[in-house]
Amino acid sequence: MIYKGKCLILICLPLKKHEVYTKLFNLYLVAEGRARGIDGYEYPDFKKYSKSEIKEYLTSLNIPSVDIQNFVDNWTSEDAHIIADHIIDYLKKLEIKNAIKCQQDAKNYSLFSGLYLSEKVAVISKELSQNLGTYSNDLNIIHNFTMSQSDRDRIVAEMRDKENKIEELIASLKYELQQELSIGYYKISE
């Protein structure tokens, strides 16, 4: 009986570990892409949009109707540039919230799946999550709070360092996952 139990563990654990590692890596890639893509995203030139086009565009993004109505009600040709800037600010705030949520999803999945993670993968995952979290919070700070230019420049410089660290951690996580999955390394305690 004990032999059959260990045999079942030896068959099921590798299958589950493959699933967990694949999903974990995907979640971290999505979180990294969301966070690092915010400042590179180009928004439409809303100044050229009509009220109906604004409404249609924002509806396609599943923006709450009350917020859409607020933008549309205030839209005039004279104030188009001001409202367009408000829309872009609003959309950036949503993207930052999404980036933070994606980082939290990856972190939570890592914690919930801890049983299947090797020690190395758990350590890399924790550090990656911390770096993505602080990077996302820094995005939130520079986009949503008023501060001096020197403070903004300092945070942006720190973010560049975090970007490099995040890239290194993504590469380390990928390498470690590939190594473990390629050799079927599953350390089972006796």
N, C-alpha and C. Protein backbone atom coordinates (compact mmCIF):
# COMPACT_ATOMS: atom_id res chain seq x y z
N MET A 1 0.81 -1.20 0.00
CA MET A 1 0.00 0.00 0.00
C MET A 1 0.86 1.27 0.00
N ILE A 2 1.89 1.29 0.80
CA ILE A 2 2.74 2.47 0.86
C ILE A 2 3.38 2.71 -0.50
N TYR A 3 3.81 1.64 -1.15
CA TYR A 3 4.44 1.77 -2.46
C TYR A 3 3.48 2.42 -3.46
N LYS A 4 2.23 1.98 -3.46
CA LYS A 4 1.25 2.54 -4.39
C LYS A 4 1.03 4.02 -4.10
N GLY A 5 0.99 4.40 -2.82
CA GLY A 5 0.82 5.80 -2.45
C GLY A 5 1.96 6.65 -2.96
N LYS A 6 3.21 6.17 -2.78
CA LYS A 6 4.36 6.93 -3.25
C LYS A 6 4.37 7.00 -4.77
N CYS A 7 3.97 5.93 -5.41
CA CYS A 7 3.92 5.90 -6.87
C CYS A 7 2.90 6.92 -7.38
N LEU A 8 1.76 6.98 -6.73
CA LEU A 8 0.75 7.94 -7.12
C LEU A 8 1.27 9.37 -6.94
N ILE A 9 1.96 9.63 -5.85
CA ILE A 9 2.55 10.94 -5.61
C ILE A 9 3.57 11.26 -6.69
N LEU A 10 4.39 10.28 -7.06
CA LEU A 10 5.42 10.51 -8.06
C LEU A 10 4.82 10.79 -9.44
N ILE A 11 3.61 10.32 -9.69
CA ILE A 11 2.96 10.59 -10.97
C ILE A 11 2.21 11.92 -10.92
N CYS A 12 1.47 12.16 -9.85
CA CYS A 12 0.62 13.36 -9.76
C CYS A 12 1.41 14.63 -9.49
N LEU A 13 2.43 14.56 -8.64
CA LEU A 13 3.18 15.74 -8.30
C LEU A 13 3.83 16.40 -9.52
N PRO A 14 4.49 15.64 -10.39
CA PRO A 14 5.08 16.28 -11.57
C PRO A 14 4.03 16.93 -12.48
N LEU A 15 2.87 16.30 -12.62
CA LEU A 15 1.84 16.88 -13.46
C LEU A 15 1.34 18.20 -12.87
N LYS A 16 1.08 18.19 -11.57
CA LYS A 16 0.60 19.40 -10.91
C LYS A 16 1.69 20.50 -10.94
N LYS A 17 2.93 20.08 -10.73
CA LYS A 17 4.02 21.05 -10.72
C LYS A 17 4.15 21.72 -12.09
N HIS A 18 4.00 20.96 -13.17
CA HIS A 18 4.04 21.55 -14.51
C HIS A 18 2.93 22.60 -14.65
N GLU A 19 1.74 22.28 -14.18
CA GLU A 19 0.61 23.21 -14.27
C GLU A 19 0.89 24.47 -13.45
N VAL A 20 1.35 24.28 -12.23
CA VAL A 20 1.61 25.40 -11.33
C VAL A 20 2.71 26.29 -11.89
N TYR A 21 3.80 25.69 -12.34
CA TYR A 21 4.92 26.49 -12.84
C TYR A 21 4.53 27.27 -14.09
N THR A 22 3.77 26.65 -14.97
CA THR A 22 3.33 27.33 -16.18
C THR A 22 2.44 28.52 -15.84
N LYS A 23 1.48 28.30 -14.97
CA LYS A 23 0.57 29.39 -14.59
C LYS A 23 1.31 30.48 -13.82
N LEU A 24 2.20 30.09 -12.91
CA LEU A 24 2.96 31.06 -12.13
C LEU A 24 3.78 31.97 -13.04
N PHE A 25 4.49 31.39 -13.99
CA PHE A 25 5.31 32.18 -14.89
C PHE A 25 4.44 33.11 -15.74
N ASN A 26 3.32 32.60 -16.21
CA ASN A 26 2.40 33.42 -17.00
C ASN A 26 1.89 34.60 -16.18
N LEU A 27 1.50 34.37 -14.93
CA LEU A 27 1.00 35.45 -14.09
C LEU A 27 2.06 36.53 -13.87
N TYR A 28 3.31 36.12 -13.66
CA TYR A 28 4.37 37.10 -13.48
C TYR A 28 4.66 37.86 -14.77
N LEU A 29 4.59 37.19 -15.91
CA LEU A 29 4.80 37.90 -17.18
C LEU A 29 3.71 38.94 -17.43
N VAL A 30 2.47 38.57 -17.12
CA VAL A 30 1.36 39.52 -17.28
C VAL A 30 1.53 40.70 -16.33
N ALA A 31 1.88 40.42 -15.07
CA ALA A 31 2.08 41.49 -14.09
C ALA A 31 3.21 42.42 -14.52
N GLU A 32 4.29 41.84 -14.99
CA GLU A 32 5.43 42.64 -15.44
C GLU A 32 5.05 43.49 -16.65
N GLY A 33 4.35 42.90 -17.59
CA GLY A 33 3.93 43.63 -18.79
C GLY A 33 2.98 44.77 -18.48
N ARG A 34 2.04 44.51 -17.57
CA ARG A 34 1.09 45.56 -17.18
C ARG A 34 1.82 46.73 -16.53
N ALA A 35 2.69 46.43 -15.58
CA ALA A 35 3.37 47.49 -14.84
C ALA A 35 4.32 48.28 -15.74
N ARG A 36 5.11 47.59 -16.52
CA ARG A 36 6.12 48.28 -17.32
C ARG A 36 5.55 48.89 -18.59
N GLY A 37 4.37 48.50 -18.98
CA GLY A 37 3.77 49.01 -20.21
C GLY A 37 2.96 50.28 -20.05
N ILE A 38 2.70 50.68 -18.82
CA ILE A 38 1.82 51.83 -18.59
C ILE A 38 2.35 53.11 -19.22
N ASP A 39 3.60 53.42 -19.00
CA ASP A 39 4.13 54.68 -19.54
C ASP A 39 4.36 54.63 -21.05
N GLY A 40 4.37 53.45 -21.63
CA GLY A 40 4.58 53.34 -23.06
C GLY A 40 3.28 53.27 -23.86
N TYR A 41 2.16 53.18 -23.16
CA TYR A 41 0.88 53.05 -23.84
C TYR A 41 0.47 54.38 -24.46
N GLU A 42 0.04 54.33 -25.70
CA GLU A 42 -0.42 55.54 -26.39
C GLU A 42 -1.93 55.54 -26.48
N TYR A 43 -2.51 56.61 -25.98
CA TYR A 43 -3.96 56.75 -25.99
C TYR A 43 -4.41 57.46 -27.25
N PRO A 44 -5.65 57.26 -27.64
CA PRO A 44 -6.17 57.98 -28.82
C PRO A 44 -6.15 59.49 -28.57
N ASP A 45 -6.20 60.23 -29.64
CA ASP A 45 -6.28 61.69 -29.53
C ASP A 45 -7.76 62.04 -29.34
N PHE A 46 -8.17 62.03 -28.07
CA PHE A 46 -9.58 62.24 -27.74
C PHE A 46 -10.09 63.61 -28.17
N LYS A 47 -9.20 64.58 -28.36
CA LYS A 47 -9.63 65.93 -28.77
C LYS A 47 -10.35 65.89 -30.12
N LYS A 48 -10.03 64.88 -30.90
CA LYS A 48 -10.63 64.75 -32.23
C LYS A 48 -11.93 63.92 -32.21
N TYR A 49 -12.28 63.40 -31.03
CA TYR A 49 -13.47 62.56 -30.90
C TYR A 49 -14.72 63.40 -30.65
N SER A 50 -15.84 62.87 -31.11
CA SER A 50 -17.12 63.48 -30.76
C SER A 50 -17.60 62.86 -29.45
N LYS A 51 -18.69 63.41 -28.91
CA LYS A 51 -19.26 62.86 -27.67
C LYS A 51 -19.61 61.38 -27.84
N SER A 52 -20.23 61.07 -28.96
CA SER A 52 -20.66 59.68 -29.18
C SER A 52 -19.45 58.75 -29.33
N GLU A 53 -18.39 59.24 -29.95
CA GLU A 53 -17.18 58.42 -30.09
C GLU A 53 -16.50 58.20 -28.74
N ILE A 54 -16.50 59.25 -27.90
CA ILE A 54 -15.95 59.11 -26.54
C ILE A 54 -16.75 58.05 -25.79
N LYS A 55 -18.05 58.17 -25.85
CA LYS A 55 -18.93 57.22 -25.15
C LYS A 55 -18.71 55.80 -25.64
N GLU A 56 -18.64 55.63 -26.95
CA GLU A 56 -18.43 54.31 -27.55
C GLU A 56 -17.07 53.72 -27.13
N TYR A 57 -16.03 54.53 -27.17
CA TYR A 57 -14.69 54.06 -26.81
C TYR A 57 -14.63 53.64 -25.34
N LEU A 58 -15.11 54.49 -24.47
CA LEU A 58 -15.05 54.19 -23.04
C LEU A 58 -15.96 53.00 -22.67
N THR A 59 -17.08 52.88 -23.35
CA THR A 59 -17.96 51.73 -23.14
C THR A 59 -17.26 50.44 -23.54
N SER A 60 -16.48 50.49 -24.62
CA SER A 60 -15.76 49.30 -25.07
C SER A 60 -14.71 48.84 -24.06
N LEU A 61 -14.30 49.77 -23.17
CA LEU A 61 -13.32 49.44 -22.13
C LEU A 61 -13.99 49.04 -20.82
N ASN A 62 -15.31 48.94 -20.85
CA ASN A 62 -16.10 48.59 -19.66
C ASN A 62 -15.96 49.60 -18.53
N ILE A 63 -15.84 50.86 -18.89
CA ILE A 63 -15.80 51.94 -17.91
C ILE A 63 -17.21 52.09 -17.36
N PRO A 64 -17.34 52.29 -16.05
CA PRO A 64 -18.68 52.48 -15.47
C PRO A 64 -19.45 53.61 -16.17
N SER A 65 -20.72 53.39 -16.41
CA SER A 65 -21.52 54.35 -17.16
C SER A 65 -21.58 55.72 -16.49
N VAL A 66 -21.55 55.75 -15.17
CA VAL A 66 -21.58 57.04 -14.47
C VAL A 66 -20.33 57.86 -14.81
N ASP A 67 -19.18 57.21 -14.92
CA ASP A 67 -17.95 57.92 -15.29
C ASP A 67 -17.98 58.36 -16.75
N ILE A 68 -18.49 57.50 -17.60
CA ILE A 68 -18.61 57.86 -19.02
C ILE A 68 -19.51 59.07 -19.16
N GLN A 69 -20.63 59.03 -18.47
CA GLN A 69 -21.59 60.13 -18.57
C GLN A 69 -20.98 61.44 -18.09
N ASN A 70 -20.15 61.36 -17.05
CA ASN A 70 -19.48 62.56 -16.53
C ASN A 70 -18.57 63.18 -17.60
N PHE A 71 -17.82 62.35 -18.30
CA PHE A 71 -16.95 62.87 -19.36
C PHE A 71 -17.77 63.46 -20.51
N VAL A 72 -18.81 62.75 -20.92
CA VAL A 72 -19.63 63.18 -22.05
C VAL A 72 -20.40 64.46 -21.72
N ASP A 73 -20.93 64.53 -20.50
CA ASP A 73 -21.70 65.72 -20.12
C ASP A 73 -20.84 66.98 -20.09
N ASN A 74 -19.58 66.84 -19.80
CA ASN A 74 -18.68 67.99 -19.71
C ASN A 74 -17.94 68.29 -21.02
N TRP A 75 -18.20 67.48 -22.04
CA TRP A 75 -17.49 67.61 -23.32
C TRP A 75 -18.03 68.77 -24.14
N THR A 76 -17.18 69.74 -24.42
CA THR A 76 -17.50 70.83 -25.35
C THR A 76 -16.28 71.02 -26.24
N SER A 77 -16.49 71.62 -27.37
CA SER A 77 -15.34 71.82 -28.27
C SER A 77 -14.29 72.73 -27.65
N GLU A 78 -14.72 73.68 -26.80
CA GLU A 78 -13.77 74.57 -26.14
C GLU A 78 -12.95 73.85 -25.07
N ASP A 79 -13.59 72.90 -24.38
CA ASP A 79 -12.93 72.20 -23.27
C ASP A 79 -12.44 70.80 -23.65
N ALA A 80 -12.46 70.49 -24.91
CA ALA A 80 -12.09 69.14 -25.35
C ALA A 80 -10.70 68.74 -24.86
N HIS A 81 -9.74 69.64 -24.95
CA HIS A 81 -8.38 69.30 -24.53
C HIS A 81 -8.30 69.02 -23.03
N ILE A 82 -9.07 69.74 -22.24
CA ILE A 82 -9.07 69.53 -20.78
C ILE A 82 -9.72 68.19 -20.45
N ILE A 83 -10.86 67.92 -21.04
CA ILE A 83 -11.57 66.65 -20.78
C ILE A 83 -10.75 65.48 -21.32
N ALA A 84 -10.11 65.67 -22.47
CA ALA A 84 -9.26 64.60 -23.03
C ALA A 84 -8.14 64.25 -22.06
N ASP A 85 -7.54 65.27 -21.45
CA ASP A 85 -6.49 65.01 -20.45
C ASP A 85 -7.05 64.27 -19.23
N HIS A 86 -8.26 64.64 -18.82
CA HIS A 86 -8.91 63.96 -17.70
C HIS A 86 -9.18 62.49 -18.03
N ILE A 87 -9.59 62.23 -19.25
CA ILE A 87 -9.86 60.85 -19.67
C ILE A 87 -8.57 60.04 -19.63
N ILE A 88 -7.49 60.60 -20.14
CA ILE A 88 -6.21 59.89 -20.14
C ILE A 88 -5.74 59.63 -18.71
N ASP A 89 -5.87 60.63 -17.84
CA ASP A 89 -5.51 60.44 -16.43
C ASP A 89 -6.34 59.32 -15.80
N TYR A 90 -7.62 59.32 -16.10
CA TYR A 90 -8.53 58.30 -15.58
C TYR A 90 -8.11 56.91 -16.07
N LEU A 91 -7.81 56.80 -17.36
CA LEU A 91 -7.42 55.51 -17.92
C LEU A 91 -6.08 55.04 -17.36
N LYS A 92 -5.14 55.96 -17.14
CA LYS A 92 -3.86 55.58 -16.53
C LYS A 92 -4.06 55.06 -15.11
N LYS A 93 -4.94 55.70 -14.36
CA LYS A 93 -5.24 55.24 -13.00
C LYS A 93 -5.81 53.83 -13.03
N LEU A 94 -6.68 53.57 -14.00
CA LEU A 94 -7.23 52.21 -14.14
C LEU A 94 -6.13 51.21 -14.48
N GLU A 95 -5.24 51.60 -15.37
CA GLU A 95 -4.14 50.71 -15.75
C GLU A 95 -3.22 50.43 -14.56
N ILE A 96 -2.98 51.43 -13.75
CA ILE A 96 -2.15 51.24 -12.56
C ILE A 96 -2.84 50.28 -11.59
N LYS A 97 -4.15 50.46 -11.41
CA LYS A 97 -4.91 49.53 -10.55
C LYS A 97 -4.82 48.10 -11.10
N ASN A 98 -4.92 47.98 -12.41
CA ASN A 98 -4.81 46.65 -13.04
C ASN A 98 -3.42 46.05 -12.83
N ALA A 99 -2.40 46.88 -12.94
CA ALA A 99 -1.03 46.41 -12.74
C ALA A 99 -0.84 45.91 -11.31
N ILE A 100 -1.36 46.67 -10.36
CA ILE A 100 -1.26 46.26 -8.95
C ILE A 100 -2.03 44.97 -8.73
N LYS A 101 -3.21 44.86 -9.33
CA LYS A 101 -4.01 43.63 -9.18
C LYS A 101 -3.28 42.43 -9.78
N CYS A 102 -2.67 42.61 -10.94
CA CYS A 102 -1.94 41.50 -11.57
C CYS A 102 -0.76 41.06 -10.71
N GLN A 103 -0.06 42.01 -10.12
CA GLN A 103 1.06 41.68 -9.23
C GLN A 103 0.54 40.92 -8.02
N GLN A 104 -0.58 41.36 -7.46
CA GLN A 104 -1.16 40.69 -6.30
C GLN A 104 -1.64 39.28 -6.67
N ASP A 105 -2.21 39.13 -7.86
CA ASP A 105 -2.65 37.80 -8.32
C ASP A 105 -1.47 36.84 -8.42
N ALA A 106 -0.36 37.32 -8.99
CA ALA A 106 0.83 36.47 -9.11
C ALA A 106 1.37 36.12 -7.73
N LYS A 107 1.44 37.10 -6.85
CA LYS A 107 1.94 36.87 -5.49
C LYS A 107 1.05 35.86 -4.76
N ASN A 108 -0.26 36.07 -4.83
CA ASN A 108 -1.18 35.17 -4.14
C ASN A 108 -1.10 33.75 -4.70
N TYR A 109 -1.00 33.63 -6.02
CA TYR A 109 -0.88 32.29 -6.62
C TYR A 109 0.39 31.61 -6.14
N SER A 110 1.47 32.38 -6.05
CA SER A 110 2.73 31.84 -5.56
C SER A 110 2.57 31.34 -4.12
N LEU A 111 1.90 32.13 -3.30
CA LEU A 111 1.70 31.73 -1.90
C LEU A 111 0.78 30.51 -1.79
N PHE A 112 -0.32 30.52 -2.53
CA PHE A 112 -1.28 29.42 -2.47
C PHE A 112 -0.72 28.12 -3.04
N SER A 113 0.23 28.25 -3.96
CA SER A 113 0.81 27.07 -4.60
C SER A 113 2.14 26.68 -3.97
N GLY A 114 2.45 27.23 -2.83
CA GLY A 114 3.73 27.00 -2.18
C GLY A 114 4.10 25.55 -2.01
N LEU A 115 3.13 24.68 -1.87
CA LEU A 115 3.37 23.25 -1.72
C LEU A 115 4.12 22.67 -2.92
N TYR A 116 3.89 23.24 -4.09
CA TYR A 116 4.47 22.70 -5.32
C TYR A 116 5.76 23.41 -5.75
N LEU A 117 6.11 24.49 -5.07
CA LEU A 117 7.27 25.27 -5.48
C LEU A 117 8.54 24.76 -4.78
N SER A 118 9.62 24.69 -5.55
CA SER A 118 10.90 24.38 -4.93
C SER A 118 11.34 25.59 -4.11
N GLU A 119 12.31 25.39 -3.30
CA GLU A 119 12.81 26.49 -2.46
C GLU A 119 13.34 27.64 -3.32
N LYS A 120 14.09 27.30 -4.37
CA LYS A 120 14.65 28.34 -5.25
C LYS A 120 13.56 29.13 -5.94
N VAL A 121 12.56 28.43 -6.47
CA VAL A 121 11.46 29.11 -7.17
C VAL A 121 10.69 29.99 -6.19
N ALA A 122 10.46 29.51 -4.98
CA ALA A 122 9.75 30.30 -3.98
C ALA A 122 10.51 31.58 -3.64
N VAL A 123 11.82 31.50 -3.50
CA VAL A 123 12.63 32.67 -3.16
C VAL A 123 12.61 33.68 -4.31
N ILE A 124 12.80 33.21 -5.54
CA ILE A 124 12.79 34.10 -6.71
C ILE A 124 11.41 34.74 -6.85
N SER A 125 10.38 33.94 -6.68
CA SER A 125 9.02 34.43 -6.81
C SER A 125 8.72 35.51 -5.78
N LYS A 126 9.16 35.32 -4.56
CA LYS A 126 8.93 36.31 -3.51
C LYS A 126 9.64 37.63 -3.84
N GLU A 127 10.89 37.54 -4.27
CA GLU A 127 11.64 38.75 -4.60
C GLU A 127 11.04 39.46 -5.82
N LEU A 128 10.62 38.69 -6.80
CA LEU A 128 10.00 39.26 -7.99
C LEU A 128 8.70 39.98 -7.61
N SER A 129 7.92 39.35 -6.78
CA SER A 129 6.67 39.95 -6.33
C SER A 129 6.92 41.26 -5.58
N GLN A 130 7.92 41.27 -4.72
CA GLN A 130 8.25 42.49 -3.98
C GLN A 130 8.67 43.61 -4.92
N ASN A 131 9.50 43.30 -5.90
CA ASN A 131 9.97 44.31 -6.84
C ASN A 131 8.84 44.82 -7.73
N LEU A 132 7.98 43.92 -8.20
CA LEU A 132 6.84 44.34 -9.01
C LEU A 132 5.88 45.19 -8.18
N GLY A 133 5.70 44.81 -6.92
CA GLY A 133 4.82 45.58 -6.04
C GLY A 133 5.31 46.99 -5.80
N THR A 134 6.59 47.13 -5.50
CA THR A 134 7.11 48.48 -5.26
C THR A 134 7.14 49.30 -6.55
N TYR A 135 7.42 48.63 -7.67
CA TYR A 135 7.40 49.32 -8.96
C TYR A 135 5.99 49.85 -9.25
N SER A 136 4.98 49.01 -9.05
CA SER A 136 3.59 49.42 -9.30
C SER A 136 3.18 50.54 -8.35
N ASN A 137 3.59 50.44 -7.11
CA ASN A 137 3.27 51.51 -6.15
C ASN A 137 3.96 52.82 -6.53
N ASP A 138 5.19 52.72 -7.03
CA ASP A 138 5.89 53.92 -7.50
C ASP A 138 5.15 54.55 -8.68
N LEU A 139 4.63 53.73 -9.58
CA LEU A 139 3.82 54.23 -10.69
C LEU A 139 2.62 55.00 -10.15
N ASN A 140 1.98 54.42 -9.17
CA ASN A 140 0.82 55.05 -8.57
C ASN A 140 1.21 56.41 -7.98
N ILE A 141 2.33 56.48 -7.32
CA ILE A 141 2.78 57.73 -6.69
C ILE A 141 3.08 58.80 -7.74
N ILE A 142 3.84 58.45 -8.77
CA ILE A 142 4.22 59.49 -9.74
C ILE A 142 3.06 59.95 -10.61
N HIS A 143 2.04 59.08 -10.78
CA HIS A 143 0.90 59.47 -11.63
C HIS A 143 -0.25 60.08 -10.84
N ASN A 144 -0.30 59.88 -9.54
CA ASN A 144 -1.48 60.29 -8.80
C ASN A 144 -1.22 61.28 -7.66
N PHE A 145 0.02 61.64 -7.44
CA PHE A 145 0.31 62.57 -6.35
C PHE A 145 1.16 63.72 -6.84
N THR A 146 0.94 64.86 -6.23
CA THR A 146 1.73 66.04 -6.56
C THR A 146 3.03 65.98 -5.76
N MET A 147 4.13 66.27 -6.45
CA MET A 147 5.43 66.24 -5.78
C MET A 147 6.39 67.13 -6.54
N SER A 148 7.51 67.41 -5.91
CA SER A 148 8.53 68.23 -6.57
C SER A 148 9.16 67.44 -7.71
N GLN A 149 9.74 68.17 -8.64
CA GLN A 149 10.40 67.52 -9.77
C GLN A 149 11.57 66.66 -9.31
N SER A 150 12.29 67.12 -8.29
CA SER A 150 13.43 66.33 -7.80
C SER A 150 12.97 65.01 -7.18
N ASP A 151 11.82 65.02 -6.47
CA ASP A 151 11.28 63.77 -5.92
C ASP A 151 10.82 62.84 -7.03
N ARG A 152 10.18 63.43 -8.04
CA ARG A 152 9.73 62.63 -9.19
C ARG A 152 10.93 62.01 -9.91
N ASP A 153 11.96 62.78 -10.13
CA ASP A 153 13.16 62.28 -10.80
C ASP A 153 13.83 61.17 -10.00
N ARG A 154 13.85 61.31 -8.67
CA ARG A 154 14.45 60.29 -7.81
C ARG A 154 13.65 58.98 -7.91
N ILE A 155 12.33 59.09 -7.87
CA ILE A 155 11.49 57.89 -7.96
C ILE A 155 11.65 57.22 -9.33
N VAL A 156 11.69 58.02 -10.38
CA VAL A 156 11.85 57.47 -11.74
C VAL A 156 13.20 56.76 -11.86
N ALA A 157 14.24 57.32 -11.28
CA ALA A 157 15.57 56.67 -11.31
C ALA A 157 15.54 55.35 -10.55
N GLU A 158 14.87 55.33 -9.41
CA GLU A 158 14.72 54.09 -8.64
C GLU A 158 13.93 53.06 -9.43
N MET A 159 12.94 53.53 -10.18
CA MET A 159 12.13 52.63 -10.99
C MET A 159 12.96 51.98 -12.10
N ARG A 160 13.90 52.74 -12.67
CA ARG A 160 14.78 52.17 -13.70
C ARG A 160 15.59 51.02 -13.12
N ASP A 161 16.10 51.22 -11.89
CA ASP A 161 16.84 50.16 -11.22
C ASP A 161 15.94 48.94 -10.97
N LYS A 162 14.71 49.20 -10.57
CA LYS A 162 13.76 48.11 -10.33
C LYS A 162 13.43 47.38 -11.63
N GLU A 163 13.32 48.12 -12.73
CA GLU A 163 13.06 47.48 -14.03
C GLU A 163 14.17 46.49 -14.36
N ASN A 164 15.42 46.90 -14.15
CA ASN A 164 16.54 45.99 -14.40
C ASN A 164 16.47 44.77 -13.50
N LYS A 165 16.16 44.99 -12.23
CA LYS A 165 16.06 43.88 -11.28
C LYS A 165 14.91 42.95 -11.67
N ILE A 166 13.80 43.51 -12.09
CA ILE A 166 12.64 42.70 -12.51
C ILE A 166 13.02 41.85 -13.72
N GLU A 167 13.72 42.44 -14.68
CA GLU A 167 14.17 41.68 -15.86
C GLU A 167 15.07 40.51 -15.44
N GLU A 168 16.00 40.78 -14.53
CA GLU A 168 16.89 39.72 -14.03
C GLU A 168 16.10 38.62 -13.33
N LEU A 169 15.13 39.00 -12.52
CA LEU A 169 14.34 38.02 -11.78
C LEU A 169 13.45 37.19 -12.70
N ILE A 170 12.88 37.82 -13.71
CA ILE A 170 12.07 37.08 -14.70
C ILE A 170 12.96 36.04 -15.40
N ALA A 171 14.15 36.47 -15.80
CA ALA A 171 15.08 35.54 -16.45
C ALA A 171 15.50 34.42 -15.50
N SER A 172 15.75 34.75 -14.24
CA SER A 172 16.13 33.73 -13.25
C SER A 172 14.99 32.75 -13.01
N LEU A 173 13.78 33.29 -12.90
CA LEU A 173 12.62 32.42 -12.69
C LEU A 173 12.42 31.49 -13.87
N LYS A 174 12.52 32.03 -15.07
CA LYS A 174 12.37 31.21 -16.27
C LYS A 174 13.43 30.10 -16.31
N TYR A 175 14.67 30.47 -16.04
CA TYR A 175 15.75 29.50 -16.06
C TYR A 175 15.51 28.39 -15.02
N GLU A 176 15.16 28.78 -13.81
CA GLU A 176 14.96 27.80 -12.75
C GLU A 176 13.77 26.89 -13.06
N LEU A 177 12.70 27.45 -13.56
CA LEU A 177 11.53 26.64 -13.93
C LEU A 177 11.89 25.65 -15.04
N GLN A 178 12.61 26.13 -16.04
CA GLN A 178 13.01 25.25 -17.14
C GLN A 178 13.93 24.14 -16.64
N GLN A 179 14.87 24.47 -15.77
CA GLN A 179 15.79 23.47 -15.24
C GLN A 179 15.04 22.39 -14.48
N GLU A 180 14.17 22.80 -13.61
CA GLU A 180 13.44 21.83 -12.79
C GLU A 180 12.50 20.97 -13.63
N LEU A 181 11.82 21.60 -14.57
CA LEU A 181 10.87 20.84 -15.38
C LEU A 181 11.56 19.94 -16.40
N SER A 182 12.72 20.36 -16.88
CA SER A 182 13.41 19.57 -17.90
C SER A 182 14.01 18.29 -17.33
N ILE A 183 14.41 18.31 -16.08
CA ILE A 183 15.00 17.10 -15.51
C ILE A 183 14.03 16.36 -14.60
N GLY A 184 12.83 16.92 -14.46
CA GLY A 184 11.85 16.25 -13.62
C GLY A 184 12.29 16.21 -12.16
N TYR A 185 12.97 17.27 -11.74
CA TYR A 185 13.49 17.32 -10.37
C TYR A 185 12.35 17.62 -9.41
N TYR A 186 12.02 16.64 -8.61
CA TYR A 186 10.99 16.79 -7.61
C TYR A 186 11.49 16.17 -6.32
N LYS A 187 11.89 16.98 -5.44
CA LYS A 187 12.44 16.51 -4.17
C LYS A 187 11.28 16.18 -3.23
N ILE A 188 11.16 14.92 -2.89
CA ILE A 188 10.09 14.48 -2.00
C ILE A 188 10.70 14.07 -0.67
N SER A 189 10.17 14.66 0.38
CA SER A 189 10.68 14.33 1.73
C SER A 189 10.20 12.95 2.12
N GLU A 190 11.06 12.22 2.78
CA GLU A 190 10.70 10.88 3.27
C GLU A 190 9.98 10.99 4.57
